[in-house]
């Protein structure tokens, strides 16, 4: 069972610090747009926000933990509020830092 996180808004609302995982998420959950897995990795490697450039894709466990914090049953897409922080463009699926055995679909 994932720990219940508190999200603290950072970078003028463009990011949120997750105190359970010790990581920062962008509040726009689809900021990078649709890409292949390798495209997502390259995007994260080159992404900079608020002077920070050490972004990466989340692990499967991190994604599961964050997703568990979003209120609702099965459909958690859209712009939910988690602990007072509004997330935008939440989708039902995401790439993780772990590449599948066959590479990009």
Foldseek 3Di string as FASTA:
>chain_A
DADQWAWDADQVQQWTQTPRVRDIDGLANQVPPDDWLVSQQVCLQQDDGPRDNNGGFAAPVVVVNVVVQQDDDQDRAAWTAGNNRTHGGRDNDDHGRDADPVGTD
